[in-house]
Amino acid sequence: MIKITKHVDYGIVLLSCFASKEGDAIFNARDLAGMTRLPLPMVSKILKVLARNGFLESQRGVKGGYFLTRDVGEISVLDVIQALDGPVFITQCADHRGEECAIECHCPVSGRWRKINDAIVSAMRGITLQDMIQTKAPQPIGFQAPTPAIGQEGLPKQRDLQSSRP
């Protein structure tokens, strides 16, 4: 099963709190944990990683906390995944960093996983934090439409087949 980790899931949730507020919203870890009902230690840890990776900046003081440093339309889901979990590879042979699979030279599907991995990465790169917080249903991206069923446009209808008989 391909699964997004809790860190990424919670990171998107936390960033969406910032993104859904107008202006320069500042939140501390305790407030965010209360708003999202996520465990405070995990919220604190994720906020620190997001700040270290340039998504958030911290402000000290009584009214301190974290605030977004980038526009929500510029932060992709892939950016958040890579910041919290590292590069996205669905299999070892999809890893472009040069680590070779022990059976790659004998594998009949070697290289095909890279194509699938690239499609997944491209889809995640195309979805922004702004897209994640929108209330309207998202439009499908990067996938081919299914082939029409018999009787739909482009394929002969049953009555057309009957009328062509001698």
C-alpha atoms as a PDB file:
ATOM      1  CA  MET A   1       0.000   0.000   0.000  1.00  0.00           C
ATOM      2  CA  ILE A   2       1.247   3.451  -0.877  1.00  0.00           C
ATOM      3  CA  LYS A   3       0.506   5.641   2.097  1.00  0.00           C
ATOM      4  CA  ILE A   4       1.181   9.215   3.167  1.00  0.00           C
ATOM      5  CA  THR A   5       2.802   9.300   6.615  1.00  0.00           C
ATOM      6  CA  LYS A   6       1.185  10.919   9.637  1.00  0.00           C
ATOM      7  CA  HIS A   7       3.872  13.609   9.581  1.00  0.00           C
ATOM      8  CA  VAL A   8       2.934  14.636   6.045  1.00  0.00           C
ATOM      9  CA  ASP A   9      -0.799  14.361   6.692  1.00  0.00           C
ATOM     10  CA  TYR A  10      -0.511  16.465   9.848  1.00  0.00           C
ATOM     11  CA  GLY A  11       1.896  18.887   8.139  1.00  0.00           C
ATOM     12  CA  ILE A  12      -0.677  19.575   5.412  1.00  0.00           C
ATOM     13  CA  VAL A  13      -3.386  20.011   8.073  1.00  0.00           C
ATOM     14  CA  LEU A  14      -1.221  22.457  10.029  1.00  0.00           C
ATOM     15  CA  LEU A  15      -0.232  24.447   6.949  1.00  0.00           C
ATOM     16  CA  SER A  16      -3.880  24.589   5.912  1.00  0.00           C
ATOM     17  CA  CYS A  17      -4.651  26.361   9.213  1.00  0.00           C
ATOM     18  CA  PHE A  18      -2.238  29.119   8.212  1.00  0.00           C
ATOM     19  CA  ALA A  19      -3.471  29.147   4.620  1.00  0.00           C
ATOM     20  CA  SER A  20      -7.144  29.470   5.524  1.00  0.00           C
ATOM     21  CA  LYS A  21      -6.586  32.660   7.545  1.00  0.00           C
ATOM     22  CA  GLU A  22      -6.403  36.068   5.926  1.00  0.00           C
ATOM     23  CA  GLY A  23      -3.245  38.131   6.259  1.00  0.00           C
ATOM     24  CA  ASP A  24      -0.258  37.221   8.365  1.00  0.00           C
ATOM     25  CA  ALA A  25      -1.750  34.703  10.780  1.00  0.00           C
ATOM     26  CA  ILE A  26       0.506  33.751  13.672  1.00  0.00           C
ATOM     27  CA  PHE A  27      -0.142  30.521  15.556  1.00  0.00           C
ATOM     28  CA  ASN A  28       1.763  28.859  18.346  1.00  0.00           C
ATOM     29  CA  ALA A  29       2.042  25.089  18.660  1.00  0.00           C
ATOM     30  CA  ARG A  30      -0.434  24.884  21.547  1.00  0.00           C
ATOM     31  CA  ASP A  31      -3.131  26.801  19.648  1.00  0.00           C
ATOM     32  CA  LEU A  32      -2.628  24.677  16.534  1.00  0.00           C
ATOM     33  CA  ALA A  33      -2.764  21.461  18.556  1.00  0.00           C
ATOM     34  CA  GLY A  34      -6.055  22.627  20.083  1.00  0.00           C
ATOM     35  CA  MET A  35      -7.536  23.706  16.740  1.00  0.00           C
ATOM     36  CA  THR A  36      -6.586  20.490  14.940  1.00  0.00           C
ATOM     37  CA  ARG A  37      -6.844  18.101  17.904  1.00  0.00           C
ATOM     38  CA  LEU A  38      -3.381  16.749  17.088  1.00  0.00           C
ATOM     39  CA  PRO A  39      -0.874  15.808  19.815  1.00  0.00           C
ATOM     40  CA  LEU A  40       1.136  18.851  20.928  1.00  0.00           C
ATOM     41  CA  PRO A  41       4.559  17.116  20.800  1.00  0.00           C
ATOM     42  CA  MET A  42       3.972  16.064  17.189  1.00  0.00           C
ATOM     43  CA  VAL A  43       2.678  19.530  16.242  1.00  0.00           C
ATOM     44  CA  SER A  44       5.794  21.125  17.761  1.00  0.00           C
ATOM     45  CA  LYS A  45       8.087  18.736  15.921  1.00  0.00           C
ATOM     46  CA  ILE A  46       6.368  19.263  12.556  1.00  0.00           C
ATOM     47  CA  LEU A  47       6.354  23.051  12.935  1.00  0.00           C
ATOM     48  CA  LYS A  48      10.101  23.044  13.615  1.00  0.00           C
ATOM     49  CA  VAL A  49      10.768  20.952  10.490  1.00  0.00           C
ATOM     50  CA  LEU A  50       8.510  23.175   8.376  1.00  0.00           C
ATOM     51  CA  ALA A  51      10.333  26.253   9.699  1.00  0.00           C
ATOM     52  CA  ARG A  52      13.739  24.677   9.040  1.00  0.00           C
ATOM     53  CA  ASN A  53      12.620  24.034   5.434  1.00  0.00           C
ATOM     54  CA  GLY A  54      11.435  27.603   4.820  1.00  0.00           C
ATOM     55  CA  PHE A  55       7.647  27.177   4.910  1.00  0.00           C
ATOM     56  CA  LEU A  56       7.254  28.919   8.263  1.00  0.00           C
ATOM     57  CA  GLU A  57       9.150  31.435  10.308  1.00  0.00           C
ATOM     58  CA  SER A  58       9.008  31.742  14.068  1.00  0.00           C
ATOM     59  CA  GLN A  59       8.468  34.906  16.055  1.00  0.00           C
ATOM     60  CA  ARG A  60       9.378  35.061  19.738  1.00  0.00           C
ATOM     61  CA  GLY A  61       7.543  36.878  22.473  1.00  0.00           C
ATOM     62  CA  VAL A  62       4.160  36.952  24.186  1.00  0.00           C
ATOM     63  CA  LYS A  63       2.342  37.126  20.860  1.00  0.00           C
ATOM     64  CA  GLY A  64       4.871  34.867  19.197  1.00  0.00           C
ATOM     65  CA  GLY A  65       4.391  31.777  17.151  1.00  0.00           C
ATOM     66  CA  TYR A  66       4.795  30.689  13.545  1.00  0.00           C
ATOM     67  CA  PHE A  67       3.698  32.341  10.305  1.00  0.00           C
ATOM     68  CA  LEU A  68       3.806  31.353   6.621  1.00  0.00           C
ATOM     69  CA  THR A  69       6.747  32.654   4.598  1.00  0.00           C
ATOM     70  CA  ARG A  70       5.484  31.583   1.172  1.00  0.00           C
ATOM     71  CA  ASP A  71       2.284  32.083  -0.768  1.00  0.00           C
ATOM     72  CA  VAL A  72      -0.101  29.113  -0.429  1.00  0.00           C
ATOM     73  CA  GLY A  73      -0.337  28.882  -4.227  1.00  0.00           C
ATOM     74  CA  GLU A  74       3.411  28.241  -4.388  1.00  0.00           C
ATOM     75  CA  ILE A  75       3.577  25.405  -1.853  1.00  0.00           C
ATOM     76  CA  SER A  76       2.943  22.031  -3.499  1.00  0.00           C
ATOM     77  CA  VAL A  77       1.974  18.839  -1.744  1.00  0.00           C
ATOM     78  CA  LEU A  78       5.247  17.416  -3.069  1.00  0.00           C
ATOM     79  CA  ASP A  79       7.184  20.245  -1.353  1.00  0.00           C
ATOM     80  CA  VAL A  80       5.631  19.328   2.002  1.00  0.00           C
ATOM     81  CA  ILE A  81       6.210  15.582   1.515  1.00  0.00           C
ATOM     82  CA  GLN A  82       9.858  16.117   0.623  1.00  0.00           C
ATOM     83  CA  ALA A  83      10.397  18.463   3.572  1.00  0.00           C
ATOM     84  CA  LEU A  84       8.897  16.053   6.095  1.00  0.00           C
ATOM     85  CA  ASP A  85       9.721  12.620   4.630  1.00  0.00           C
ATOM     86  CA  GLY A  86      12.351  13.102   1.931  1.00  0.00           C
ATOM     87  CA  PRO A  87      12.183  12.123  -1.745  1.00  0.00           C
ATOM     88  CA  VAL A  88       9.222  10.174  -3.135  1.00  0.00           C
ATOM     89  CA  PHE A  89      10.073   6.729  -4.509  1.00  0.00           C
ATOM     90  CA  ILE A  90       7.490   3.972  -4.730  1.00  0.00           C
ATOM     91  CA  THR A  91      10.125   1.287  -5.325  1.00  0.00           C
ATOM     92  CA  GLN A  92      13.888   1.039  -5.059  1.00  0.00           C
ATOM     93  CA  CYS A  93      14.278   0.980  -8.846  1.00  0.00           C
ATOM     94  CA  ALA A  94      12.326   4.253  -9.095  1.00  0.00           C
ATOM     95  CA  ASP A  95      15.009   5.892  -6.963  1.00  0.00           C
ATOM     96  CA  HIS A  96      16.995   8.110  -9.348  1.00  0.00           C
ATOM     97  CA  ARG A  97      19.830   8.670  -6.880  1.00  0.00           C
ATOM     98  CA  GLY A  98      21.980   5.874  -8.263  1.00  0.00           C
ATOM     99  CA  GLU A  99      21.302   3.117  -5.745  1.00  0.00           C
ATOM    100  CA  GLU A 100      20.891   0.018  -7.873  1.00  0.00           C
ATOM    101  CA  CYS A 101      18.492  -2.817  -7.253  1.00  0.00           C
ATOM    102  CA  ALA A 102      20.128  -6.226  -6.877  1.00  0.00           C
ATOM    103  CA  ILE A 103      17.874  -7.798  -9.540  1.00  0.00           C
ATOM    104  CA  GLU A 104      17.533  -4.805 -11.878  1.00  0.00           C
ATOM    105  CA  CYS A 105      19.478  -6.392 -14.743  1.00  0.00           C
ATOM    106  CA  HIS A 106      17.119  -9.436 -14.698  1.00  0.00           C
ATOM    107  CA  CYS A 107      13.873  -7.632 -13.912  1.00  0.00           C
ATOM    108  CA  PRO A 108      11.240  -7.527 -16.680  1.00  0.00           C
ATOM    109  CA  VAL A 109       9.604  -4.379 -15.233  1.00  0.00           C
ATOM    110  CA  SER A 110      12.734  -2.418 -14.419  1.00  0.00           C
ATOM    111  CA  GLY A 111      12.257   1.158 -15.535  1.00  0.00           C
ATOM    112  CA  ARG A 112       8.467   0.933 -15.685  1.00  0.00           C
ATOM    113  CA  TRP A 113       8.233   1.856 -11.999  1.00  0.00           C
ATOM    114  CA  ARG A 114      10.089   5.082 -12.756  1.00  0.00           C
ATOM    115  CA  LYS A 115       7.347   6.084 -15.189  1.00  0.00           C
ATOM    116  CA  ILE A 116       4.685   5.434 -12.548  1.00  0.00           C
ATOM    117  CA  ASN A 117       6.753   7.209  -9.891  1.00  0.00           C
ATOM    118  CA  ASP A 118       7.233  10.217 -12.174  1.00  0.00           C
ATOM    119  CA  ALA A 119       3.456  10.420 -12.782  1.00  0.00           C
ATOM    120  CA  ILE A 120       2.748  10.355  -9.043  1.00  0.00           C
ATOM    121  CA  VAL A 121       5.424  12.974  -8.328  1.00  0.00           C
ATOM    122  CA  SER A 122       4.080  15.164 -11.141  1.00  0.00           C
ATOM    123  CA  ALA A 123       0.531  14.926  -9.772  1.00  0.00           C
ATOM    124  CA  MET A 124       1.692  15.884  -6.261  1.00  0.00           C
ATOM    125  CA  ARG A 125       3.757  18.748  -7.687  1.00  0.00           C
ATOM    126  CA  GLY A 126       0.634  20.031  -9.453  1.00  0.00           C
ATOM    127  CA  ILE A 127      -1.490  20.268  -6.295  1.00  0.00           C
ATOM    128  CA  THR A 128      -0.834  23.285  -4.095  1.00  0.00           C
ATOM    129  CA  LEU A 129      -1.790  24.092  -0.548  1.00  0.00           C
ATOM    130  CA  GLN A 130      -4.286  26.544  -2.056  1.00  0.00           C
ATOM    131  CA  ASP A 131      -5.905  23.621  -3.900  1.00  0.00           C
ATOM    132  CA  MET A 132      -6.056  21.628  -0.669  1.00  0.00           C
ATOM    133  CA  ILE A 133      -8.017  24.290   1.214  1.00  0.00           C
ATOM    134  CA  GLN A 134     -10.517  25.099  -1.525  1.00  0.00           C
ATOM    135  CA  THR A 135     -14.051  24.008  -0.786  1.00  0.00           C
ATOM    136  CA  LYS A 136     -15.049  23.100  -4.328  1.00  0.00           C
ATOM    137  CA  ALA A 137     -14.286  19.615  -5.609  1.00  0.00           C
ATOM    138  CA  PRO A 138     -10.845  19.355  -7.227  1.00  0.00           C
ATOM    139  CA  GLN A 139     -10.510  18.647 -10.932  1.00  0.00           C
ATOM    140  CA  PRO A 140      -8.688  15.444 -11.882  1.00  0.00           C
ATOM    141  CA  ILE A 141      -5.126  16.036 -13.012  1.00  0.00           C
ATOM    142  CA  GLY A 142      -2.760  14.200 -15.273  1.00  0.00           C
ATOM    143  CA  PHE A 143      -4.777  11.070 -15.841  1.00  0.00           C
ATOM    144  CA  GLN A 144      -6.238   9.827 -19.104  1.00  0.00           C
ATOM    145  CA  ALA A 145     -10.029   9.648 -19.400  1.00  0.00           C
ATOM    146  CA  PRO A 146     -11.519   6.137 -19.564  1.00  0.00           C
ATOM    147  CA  THR A 147     -12.484   4.675 -22.937  1.00  0.00           C
ATOM    148  CA  PRO A 148     -16.179   5.288 -23.759  1.00  0.00           C
ATOM    149  CA  ALA A 149     -18.538   2.356 -23.341  1.00  0.00           C
ATOM    150  CA  ILE A 150     -20.352   0.818 -26.316  1.00  0.00           C
ATOM    151  CA  GLY A 151     -23.188   3.057 -27.422  1.00  0.00           C
ATOM    152  CA  GLN A 152     -21.415   6.235 -26.383  1.00  0.00           C
ATOM    153  CA  GLU A 153     -19.997   8.764 -28.795  1.00  0.00           C
ATOM    154  CA  GLY A 154     -17.373   7.401 -31.149  1.00  0.00           C
ATOM    155  CA  LEU A 155     -18.494   3.771 -31.099  1.00  0.00           C
ATOM    156  CA  PRO A 156     -21.279   2.240 -33.203  1.00  0.00           C
ATOM    157  CA  LYS A 157     -24.674   1.938 -31.554  1.00  0.00           C
ATOM    158  CA  GLN A 158     -26.616  -1.295 -31.636  1.00  0.00           C
ATOM    159  CA  ARG A 159     -29.223   0.101 -34.078  1.00  0.00           C
ATOM    160  CA  ASP A 160     -26.440   1.281 -36.425  1.00  0.00           C
ATOM    161  CA  LEU A 161     -25.067  -2.257 -36.548  1.00  0.00           C
ATOM    162  CA  GLN A 162     -28.506  -3.672 -37.370  1.00  0.00           C
ATOM    163  CA  SER A 163     -29.179  -1.175 -40.167  1.00  0.00           C
ATOM    164  CA  SER A 164     -25.911  -2.072 -41.896  1.00  0.00           C
ATOM    165  CA  ARG A 165     -26.936  -5.726 -42.325  1.00  0.00           C
ATOM    166  CA  PRO A 166     -28.087  -6.866 -45.814  1.00  0.00           C
END
